[in-house]
Amino acid sequence: MVSENVQERLKEAVRPAQDIAVPILGKAHKTNNDSSFVLLVRKGNKTQCKSLNVPSDSDLVRNLRHREEVERQEKEKVKKLTLDIQRMQLEDSQEQQQDTAAPTSNVNHQRRVRYSSTQKVDRFLDLYYSNK
């Protein structure tokens, strides 16, 4: 059973990753009309880096530049949206602080009938003696 599993895995096609990490110093050096790239080659378990010069007008270089430009534009768009959201949240919080800062007046406190202590006593005595 294990050997069957191993044989099935050997038959499966290995799909390489679309983007491969390349050393920063060797990623894209531009010389005159050529762009220099680093090609990663794997022999067995050993990985080797080889220099590759590609003309600037080739499809590889054009597509790479186009993809980098699209990624840069999308990054700028996300940055702008994030800053707009933060600005809107800040404005909302400032509006809420201004709304809560103004003291609200209680309208009912003026409508309440206020009795002095002597009025309360007089009223109580009137009620007490009127029942007898």
Protein backbone atom coordinates (compact mmCIF):
# COMPACT_ATOMS: atom_id res chain seq x y z
CA MET A 1 0.00 0.00 0.00
CA VAL A 2 2.81 2.41 0.85
CA SER A 3 4.65 1.58 -2.35
CA GLU A 4 1.49 2.24 -4.38
CA ASN A 5 1.13 5.65 -2.71
CA VAL A 6 4.74 6.48 -3.50
CA GLN A 7 4.33 5.42 -7.13
CA GLU A 8 1.18 7.53 -7.49
CA ARG A 9 3.01 10.57 -6.12
CA LEU A 10 5.86 10.04 -8.57
CA LYS A 11 3.38 10.08 -11.45
CA GLU A 12 1.85 13.40 -10.33
CA ALA A 13 3.18 16.45 -12.13
CA VAL A 14 5.12 18.85 -9.93
CA ARG A 15 3.81 22.38 -10.38
CA PRO A 16 6.49 25.01 -9.74
CA ALA A 17 5.58 28.13 -7.80
CA GLN A 18 4.80 31.16 -9.92
CA ASP A 19 7.10 33.50 -8.03
CA ILE A 20 10.46 32.33 -6.78
CA ALA A 21 12.42 34.22 -4.18
CA VAL A 22 15.48 35.68 -5.84
CA PRO A 23 18.38 37.37 -4.05
CA ILE A 24 17.82 41.12 -4.04
CA LEU A 25 21.22 41.99 -5.44
CA GLY A 26 20.76 39.76 -8.46
CA LYS A 27 17.12 40.32 -9.28
CA ALA A 28 17.23 42.84 -12.09
CA HIS A 29 20.42 44.66 -12.97
CA LYS A 30 20.08 46.80 -16.05
CA THR A 31 23.02 47.17 -18.39
CA ASN A 32 22.58 49.15 -21.61
CA ASN A 33 19.89 47.26 -23.54
CA ASP A 34 19.98 44.12 -21.42
CA SER A 35 18.41 43.23 -18.12
CA SER A 36 20.26 40.77 -15.96
CA PHE A 37 18.27 38.17 -14.03
CA VAL A 38 19.23 35.36 -11.72
CA LEU A 39 18.04 31.93 -12.79
CA LEU A 40 17.64 29.40 -10.02
CA VAL A 41 18.48 25.89 -11.16
CA ARG A 42 18.04 22.83 -9.03
CA LYS A 43 20.07 19.69 -9.55
CA GLY A 44 18.98 17.03 -7.09
CA ASN A 45 18.97 18.69 -3.67
CA LYS A 46 21.42 21.42 -4.65
CA THR A 47 20.19 24.84 -5.81
CA GLN A 48 22.39 26.93 -8.07
CA CYS A 49 22.07 30.54 -9.21
CA LYS A 50 23.03 31.43 -12.76
CA SER A 51 23.11 34.86 -14.35
CA LEU A 52 20.81 35.39 -17.33
CA ASN A 53 21.01 38.43 -19.63
CA VAL A 54 17.75 39.24 -21.40
CA PRO A 55 17.21 42.04 -23.95
CA SER A 56 15.05 44.90 -22.67
CA ASP A 57 12.59 44.58 -25.56
CA SER A 58 11.82 40.91 -24.84
CA ASP A 59 8.40 39.72 -23.68
CA LEU A 60 9.83 38.58 -20.36
CA VAL A 61 11.12 42.02 -19.42
CA ARG A 62 8.01 43.82 -20.71
CA ASN A 63 5.65 41.50 -18.85
CA LEU A 64 7.71 41.80 -15.66
CA ARG A 65 7.65 45.60 -15.82
CA HIS A 66 3.93 45.60 -16.61
CA ARG A 67 3.20 43.28 -13.67
CA GLU A 68 5.32 45.42 -11.32
CA GLU A 69 3.49 48.55 -12.49
CA VAL A 70 0.08 46.93 -11.93
CA GLU A 71 1.13 45.78 -8.45
CA ARG A 72 2.43 49.27 -7.63
CA GLN A 73 -0.84 50.87 -8.78
CA GLU A 74 -2.90 48.41 -6.74
CA LYS A 75 -0.75 49.06 -3.69
CA GLU A 76 -1.28 52.82 -4.11
CA LYS A 77 -5.04 52.25 -4.48
CA VAL A 78 -5.19 50.17 -1.28
CA LYS A 79 -3.10 52.78 0.53
CA LYS A 80 -5.44 55.56 -0.61
CA LEU A 81 -8.54 53.61 0.44
CA THR A 82 -7.02 52.83 3.83
CA LEU A 83 -6.15 56.47 4.44
CA ASP A 84 -9.66 57.55 3.37
CA ILE A 85 -11.25 55.07 5.78
CA GLN A 86 -9.03 56.25 8.63
CA ARG A 87 -9.86 59.89 7.84
CA MET A 88 -13.61 59.13 7.81
CA GLN A 89 -13.36 57.27 11.14
CA LEU A 90 -11.47 60.18 12.66
CA GLU A 91 -14.10 62.65 11.44
CA ASP A 92 -16.90 60.45 12.82
CA SER A 93 -15.24 60.18 16.22
CA GLN A 94 -14.71 63.95 16.33
CA GLU A 95 -18.38 64.54 15.46
CA GLN A 96 -19.47 62.14 18.22
CA GLN A 97 -17.25 63.91 20.72
CA GLN A 98 -18.73 67.27 19.75
CA ASP A 99 -22.26 65.88 20.04
CA THR A 100 -21.63 64.40 23.47
CA ALA A 101 -19.67 67.43 24.68
CA ALA A 102 -22.73 69.69 24.59
CA PRO A 103 -24.65 69.13 27.84
CA THR A 104 -28.22 68.12 27.36
CA SER A 105 -30.74 70.01 29.46
CA ASN A 106 -33.46 68.22 31.36
CA VAL A 107 -36.75 69.75 30.37
CA ASN A 108 -38.70 67.93 33.07
CA HIS A 109 -36.90 69.51 36.01
CA GLN A 110 -38.85 72.76 35.51
CA ARG A 111 -42.23 71.01 35.29
CA ARG A 112 -41.86 69.20 38.59
CA VAL A 113 -43.84 70.81 41.38
CA ARG A 114 -41.55 71.70 44.21
CA TYR A 115 -42.84 71.77 47.72
CA SER A 116 -41.23 73.36 50.67
CA SER A 117 -41.10 71.35 53.88
CA THR A 118 -43.87 73.47 55.47
CA GLN A 119 -46.13 72.88 52.49
CA LYS A 120 -45.62 69.14 52.81
CA VAL A 121 -46.44 69.22 56.48
CA ASP A 122 -49.53 71.34 55.92
CA ARG A 123 -50.76 69.02 53.19
CA PHE A 124 -50.16 65.97 55.39
CA LEU A 125 -52.05 67.54 58.29
CA ASP A 126 -54.95 68.46 56.04
CA LEU A 127 -55.18 64.91 54.76
CA TYR A 128 -54.81 63.44 58.24
CA TYR A 129 -57.53 65.52 59.88
CA SER A 130 -59.92 65.38 56.97
CA ASN A 131 -60.19 61.59 57.30
CA LYS A 132 -61.17 61.75 61.00
